[in-house]
Amino acid sequence: MKIRSLVLALIIMTTLAACKKDKTTVATPRSSSYTFTQQNNSGITGKILFIEADSGQTTVDFELNNTPAPKYIAHIHQGPPTSYHGAIYYFYDIPAWSNKISYKQNIPLPYDSALLLDCTLALHDSTGNLDLGIAGVGINH
């Protein structure tokens, strides 16, 4: 009788151990933050984030304040903030609500490669004629 009880207890303990839930962890995506500096007395402040995205892309996250216009455009230009040129990535119709921009768009570049960019992100008015602010991105932060 004692052996039967012992075997039954062992079976119950094994069954309970097998039913234990696995703790699945969700990895937090890697990210890098870059300070946005106003240009032409725009008063716009904030930061630009590069966030690791699925499928080998990088999410560019605009978190900007003091943005009174309803829409803006931005480009990632080649070169550091002191001498940038030639846009390589384009962001059109960036909306602003309540004097803020909270906007995300993916670029077709893996996160690790985005961190190696020698580039400047520039925010422009909706015509693209006036620079409102810049952020050195990649190795230029």
C-alpha atoms as a PDB file:
ATOM      1  CA  MET A   1       0.000   0.000   0.000  1.00  0.00           C
ATOM      2  CA  LYS A   2       2.850   2.387   0.851  1.00  0.00           C
ATOM      3  CA  ILE A   3       4.546   1.705  -2.493  1.00  0.00           C
ATOM      4  CA  ARG A   4       1.305   2.341  -4.356  1.00  0.00           C
ATOM      5  CA  SER A   5       0.854   5.691  -2.540  1.00  0.00           C
ATOM      6  CA  LEU A   6       4.452   6.602  -3.198  1.00  0.00           C
ATOM      7  CA  VAL A   7       4.122   5.797  -6.927  1.00  0.00           C
ATOM      8  CA  LEU A   8       0.848   7.768  -7.123  1.00  0.00           C
ATOM      9  CA  ALA A   9       2.453  10.767  -5.405  1.00  0.00           C
ATOM     10  CA  LEU A  10       5.429  10.573  -7.774  1.00  0.00           C
ATOM     11  CA  ILE A  11       3.116  10.482 -10.822  1.00  0.00           C
ATOM     12  CA  ILE A  12       1.164  13.507  -9.537  1.00  0.00           C
ATOM     13  CA  MET A  13       4.357  15.493  -8.871  1.00  0.00           C
ATOM     14  CA  THR A  14       5.760  14.643 -12.310  1.00  0.00           C
ATOM     15  CA  THR A  15       2.491  15.637 -13.976  1.00  0.00           C
ATOM     16  CA  LEU A  16       2.370  18.953 -12.110  1.00  0.00           C
ATOM     17  CA  ALA A  17       5.993  19.703 -12.983  1.00  0.00           C
ATOM     18  CA  ALA A  18       5.302  18.982 -16.651  1.00  0.00           C
ATOM     19  CA  CYS A  19       2.323  21.357 -16.611  1.00  0.00           C
ATOM     20  CA  LYS A  20       4.376  24.244 -15.260  1.00  0.00           C
ATOM     21  CA  LYS A  21       4.019  27.244 -17.555  1.00  0.00           C
ATOM     22  CA  ASP A  22       7.082  28.491 -19.351  1.00  0.00           C
ATOM     23  CA  LYS A  23       7.868  32.130 -18.805  1.00  0.00           C
ATOM     24  CA  THR A  24       8.204  33.516 -22.281  1.00  0.00           C
ATOM     25  CA  THR A  25      10.110  36.764 -22.409  1.00  0.00           C
ATOM     26  CA  VAL A  26       9.662  39.300 -25.137  1.00  0.00           C
ATOM     27  CA  ALA A  27      12.896  41.018 -26.053  1.00  0.00           C
ATOM     28  CA  THR A  28      12.816  44.796 -25.905  1.00  0.00           C
ATOM     29  CA  PRO A  29      14.009  46.223 -29.211  1.00  0.00           C
ATOM     30  CA  ARG A  30      17.328  48.033 -29.118  1.00  0.00           C
ATOM     31  CA  SER A  31      17.189  51.793 -29.604  1.00  0.00           C
ATOM     32  CA  SER A  32      19.420  54.854 -29.812  1.00  0.00           C
ATOM     33  CA  SER A  33      18.398  58.433 -29.020  1.00  0.00           C
ATOM     34  CA  TYR A  34      19.677  61.561 -30.783  1.00  0.00           C
ATOM     35  CA  THR A  35      19.155  65.142 -29.590  1.00  0.00           C
ATOM     36  CA  PHE A  36      17.302  67.440 -31.980  1.00  0.00           C
ATOM     37  CA  THR A  37      18.770  70.964 -32.226  1.00  0.00           C
ATOM     38  CA  GLN A  38      16.652  73.855 -33.484  1.00  0.00           C
ATOM     39  CA  GLN A  39      17.668  75.862 -36.549  1.00  0.00           C
ATOM     40  CA  ASN A  40      16.551  79.336 -37.693  1.00  0.00           C
ATOM     41  CA  ASN A  41      14.969  80.126 -34.285  1.00  0.00           C
ATOM     42  CA  SER A  42      12.263  77.529 -34.875  1.00  0.00           C
ATOM     43  CA  GLY A  43      11.966  76.706 -31.160  1.00  0.00           C
ATOM     44  CA  ILE A  44      11.475  73.025 -32.021  1.00  0.00           C
ATOM     45  CA  THR A  45      12.989  70.670 -29.448  1.00  0.00           C
ATOM     46  CA  GLY A  46      13.016  66.951 -28.809  1.00  0.00           C
ATOM     47  CA  LYS A  47      14.734  63.820 -29.942  1.00  0.00           C
ATOM     48  CA  ILE A  48      14.985  61.339 -32.774  1.00  0.00           C
ATOM     49  CA  LEU A  49      15.123  57.627 -31.979  1.00  0.00           C
ATOM     50  CA  PHE A  50      16.405  54.748 -34.052  1.00  0.00           C
ATOM     51  CA  ILE A  51      14.607  51.560 -32.980  1.00  0.00           C
ATOM     52  CA  GLU A  52      15.417  48.052 -34.130  1.00  0.00           C
ATOM     53  CA  ALA A  53      12.459  46.801 -36.191  1.00  0.00           C
ATOM     54  CA  ASP A  54      11.477  43.435 -37.579  1.00  0.00           C
ATOM     55  CA  SER A  55      12.506  42.310 -41.039  1.00  0.00           C
ATOM     56  CA  GLY A  56      15.911  43.995 -41.024  1.00  0.00           C
ATOM     57  CA  GLN A  57      14.632  47.571 -40.864  1.00  0.00           C
ATOM     58  CA  THR A  58      15.066  50.514 -38.516  1.00  0.00           C
ATOM     59  CA  THR A  59      12.183  52.603 -37.201  1.00  0.00           C
ATOM     60  CA  VAL A  60      12.887  56.341 -37.102  1.00  0.00           C
ATOM     61  CA  ASP A  61      10.792  57.826 -34.291  1.00  0.00           C
ATOM     62  CA  PHE A  62      10.281  61.602 -34.214  1.00  0.00           C
ATOM     63  CA  GLU A  63       9.433  62.968 -30.736  1.00  0.00           C
ATOM     64  CA  LEU A  64       9.402  66.743 -31.184  1.00  0.00           C
ATOM     65  CA  ASN A  65       7.779  69.703 -29.388  1.00  0.00           C
ATOM     66  CA  ASN A  66       6.881  73.289 -30.334  1.00  0.00           C
ATOM     67  CA  THR A  67       5.719  72.310 -33.829  1.00  0.00           C
ATOM     68  CA  PRO A  68       2.909  74.753 -34.742  1.00  0.00           C
ATOM     69  CA  ALA A  69       2.551  73.868 -38.448  1.00  0.00           C
ATOM     70  CA  PRO A  70       0.248  70.982 -39.385  1.00  0.00           C
ATOM     71  CA  LYS A  71       2.842  69.167 -41.548  1.00  0.00           C
ATOM     72  CA  TYR A  72       6.577  68.887 -42.009  1.00  0.00           C
ATOM     73  CA  ILE A  73       9.070  66.972 -44.119  1.00  0.00           C
ATOM     74  CA  ALA A  74      12.436  65.525 -43.119  1.00  0.00           C
ATOM     75  CA  HIS A  75      15.426  63.890 -44.731  1.00  0.00           C
ATOM     76  CA  ILE A  76      18.392  61.893 -43.576  1.00  0.00           C
ATOM     77  CA  HIS A  77      21.323  63.568 -45.314  1.00  0.00           C
ATOM     78  CA  GLN A  78      24.855  62.302 -45.816  1.00  0.00           C
ATOM     79  CA  GLY A  79      27.497  63.879 -43.591  1.00  0.00           C
ATOM     80  CA  PRO A  80      27.729  65.328 -40.087  1.00  0.00           C
ATOM     81  CA  PRO A  81      25.609  68.272 -38.860  1.00  0.00           C
ATOM     82  CA  THR A  82      28.341  70.760 -39.747  1.00  0.00           C
ATOM     83  CA  SER A  83      28.401  69.801 -43.435  1.00  0.00           C
ATOM     84  CA  TYR A  84      25.509  67.606 -44.506  1.00  0.00           C
ATOM     85  CA  HIS A  85      24.401  67.166 -48.120  1.00  0.00           C
ATOM     86  CA  GLY A  86      22.499  64.749 -50.402  1.00  0.00           C
ATOM     87  CA  ALA A  87      19.367  63.211 -48.861  1.00  0.00           C
ATOM     88  CA  ILE A  88      19.280  59.408 -48.748  1.00  0.00           C
ATOM     89  CA  TYR A  89      15.992  58.798 -46.843  1.00  0.00           C
ATOM     90  CA  TYR A  90      12.816  60.876 -47.144  1.00  0.00           C
ATOM     91  CA  PHE A  91       9.922  61.501 -44.736  1.00  0.00           C
ATOM     92  CA  TYR A  92       6.927  63.364 -46.198  1.00  0.00           C
ATOM     93  CA  ASP A  93       3.752  64.717 -44.618  1.00  0.00           C
ATOM     94  CA  ILE A  94       4.899  64.342 -41.020  1.00  0.00           C
ATOM     95  CA  PRO A  95       1.841  65.425 -39.026  1.00  0.00           C
ATOM     96  CA  ALA A  96       1.902  67.633 -35.933  1.00  0.00           C
ATOM     97  CA  TRP A  97      -0.945  67.650 -33.392  1.00  0.00           C
ATOM     98  CA  SER A  98      -1.256  69.873 -30.354  1.00  0.00           C
ATOM     99  CA  ASN A  99       2.135  71.437 -31.074  1.00  0.00           C
ATOM    100  CA  LYS A 100       3.867  68.012 -31.057  1.00  0.00           C
ATOM    101  CA  ILE A 101       5.185  65.480 -33.511  1.00  0.00           C
ATOM    102  CA  SER A 102       5.002  61.832 -32.558  1.00  0.00           C
ATOM    103  CA  TYR A 103       5.690  60.019 -35.815  1.00  0.00           C
ATOM    104  CA  LYS A 104       7.342  56.741 -36.792  1.00  0.00           C
ATOM    105  CA  GLN A 105       8.512  55.481 -40.167  1.00  0.00           C
ATOM    106  CA  ASN A 106      10.737  52.562 -41.118  1.00  0.00           C
ATOM    107  CA  ILE A 107      13.797  52.871 -43.301  1.00  0.00           C
ATOM    108  CA  PRO A 108      15.092  49.816 -45.210  1.00  0.00           C
ATOM    109  CA  LEU A 109      18.324  49.541 -43.255  1.00  0.00           C
ATOM    110  CA  PRO A 110      19.212  47.060 -40.492  1.00  0.00           C
ATOM    111  CA  TYR A 111      19.589  48.634 -37.051  1.00  0.00           C
ATOM    112  CA  ASP A 112      23.295  47.824 -36.706  1.00  0.00           C
ATOM    113  CA  SER A 113      23.957  49.472 -40.080  1.00  0.00           C
ATOM    114  CA  ALA A 114      21.859  52.521 -39.135  1.00  0.00           C
ATOM    115  CA  LEU A 115      24.097  53.066 -36.122  1.00  0.00           C
ATOM    116  CA  LEU A 116      27.080  53.311 -38.480  1.00  0.00           C
ATOM    117  CA  LEU A 117      25.550  56.068 -40.619  1.00  0.00           C
ATOM    118  CA  ASP A 118      27.598  59.240 -40.940  1.00  0.00           C
ATOM    119  CA  CYS A 119      24.436  61.329 -41.363  1.00  0.00           C
ATOM    120  CA  THR A 120      22.237  64.185 -40.226  1.00  0.00           C
ATOM    121  CA  LEU A 121      18.457  64.135 -39.937  1.00  0.00           C
ATOM    122  CA  ALA A 122      17.050  67.524 -40.948  1.00  0.00           C
ATOM    123  CA  LEU A 123      13.477  68.703 -40.359  1.00  0.00           C
ATOM    124  CA  HIS A 124      12.110  71.203 -42.878  1.00  0.00           C
ATOM    125  CA  ASP A 125       8.917  73.186 -43.268  1.00  0.00           C
ATOM    126  CA  SER A 126       6.293  71.668 -45.559  1.00  0.00           C
ATOM    127  CA  THR A 127       7.908  73.292 -48.625  1.00  0.00           C
ATOM    128  CA  GLY A 128      11.344  71.893 -47.825  1.00  0.00           C
ATOM    129  CA  ASN A 129      12.854  75.374 -48.094  1.00  0.00           C
ATOM    130  CA  LEU A 130      13.495  76.178 -44.434  1.00  0.00           C
ATOM    131  CA  ASP A 131      15.623  74.082 -42.080  1.00  0.00           C
ATOM    132  CA  LEU A 132      13.898  73.928 -38.687  1.00  0.00           C
ATOM    133  CA  GLY A 133      16.282  71.640 -36.867  1.00  0.00           C
ATOM    134  CA  ILE A 134      18.822  68.843 -37.137  1.00  0.00           C
ATOM    135  CA  ALA A 135      20.077  65.803 -35.292  1.00  0.00           C
ATOM    136  CA  GLY A 136      23.346  64.032 -35.931  1.00  0.00           C
ATOM    137  CA  VAL A 137      22.432  60.344 -36.305  1.00  0.00           C
ATOM    138  CA  GLY A 138      24.452  57.189 -36.346  1.00  0.00           C
ATOM    139  CA  ILE A 139      28.074  57.895 -35.494  1.00  0.00           C
ATOM    140  CA  ASN A 140      27.354  61.668 -35.428  1.00  0.00           C
ATOM    141  CA  HIS A 141      25.539  61.900 -32.120  1.00  0.00           C
END
